[in-house]
Protein backbone atom coordinates (compact mmCIF):
# COMPACT_ATOMS: atom_id res chain seq x y z
CA UNK A 1 -1.92 5.09 -1.45
CA UNK A 2 -2.79 1.75 -3.00
CA UNK A 3 -1.61 3.11 -6.33
CA UNK A 4 1.77 3.96 -4.85
CA UNK A 5 2.09 0.48 -3.33
CA UNK A 6 1.35 -1.12 -6.69
CA UNK A 7 3.87 1.19 -8.40
CA UNK A 8 6.64 0.21 -5.98
CA UNK A 9 5.68 -3.45 -6.38
CA UNK A 10 6.03 -3.14 -10.16
CA UNK A 11 9.34 -1.33 -9.71
CA UNK A 12 10.58 -4.11 -7.44
CA UNK A 13 9.59 -6.77 -10.00
CA UNK A 14 11.31 -4.94 -12.87
CA UNK A 15 14.44 -4.27 -10.79
CA UNK A 16 14.56 -7.91 -9.78
CA UNK A 17 14.38 -9.08 -13.37
CA UNK A 18 17.19 -6.69 -14.30
CA UNK A 19 19.40 -7.94 -11.43
CA UNK A 20 19.24 -4.79 -9.33
CA UNK A 21 18.56 -6.72 -6.17
CA UNK A 22 19.30 -3.89 -3.72
CA UNK A 23 16.83 -1.61 -5.47
CA UNK A 24 14.31 -4.43 -5.72
CA UNK A 25 14.58 -5.08 -1.99
CA UNK A 26 14.09 -1.45 -1.10
CA UNK A 27 11.15 -1.08 -3.48
CA UNK A 28 9.52 -4.21 -2.13
CA UNK A 29 9.92 -3.01 1.45
CA UNK A 30 8.34 0.35 0.57
CA UNK A 31 5.50 -1.43 -1.16
CA UNK A 32 4.87 -3.57 1.91
CA UNK A 33 4.82 -0.59 4.23
CA UNK A 34 2.47 1.36 1.98
CA UNK A 35 0.15 -1.61 1.63
CA UNK A 36 0.09 -2.03 5.42
CA UNK A 37 -0.71 1.67 5.93
CA UNK A 38 -3.45 1.43 3.31
CA UNK A 39 -5.03 -1.53 5.00
CA UNK A 40 -4.89 0.04 8.47
CA UNK A 41 -6.48 3.25 7.18
CA UNK A 42 -9.12 1.20 5.33
CA UNK A 43 -10.08 -0.66 8.50
CA UNK A 44 -10.15 2.59 10.54
CA UNK A 45 -12.34 4.22 7.86
CA UNK A 46 -14.69 1.26 7.74
CA UNK A 47 -15.24 1.13 11.50
CA UNK A 48 -15.28 4.93 11.83
CA UNK A 49 -18.02 5.26 9.23
CA UNK A 50 -19.95 2.31 10.61
CA UNK A 51 -20.55 3.94 14.00
CA UNK A 52 -21.76 7.33 12.73
CA UNK A 53 -25.13 8.43 13.99
CA UNK A 54 -26.40 10.21 10.86
CA UNK A 55 -26.26 8.63 7.44
CA UNK A 56 -24.11 10.46 4.86
CA UNK A 57 -25.96 12.63 2.39
């Protein structure tokens, strides 16, 4: 998911340099949403794994 966010960020930067501002805005918004989802899942995974009773093998 982080890879997709970075891909859309790169797409937004390239589109902005080439004056495709509508495409750059959409790609930047998608990158923000994907980054937010990634961070939320990372925090959930961290706290979910922290409270396990048995250590992973």
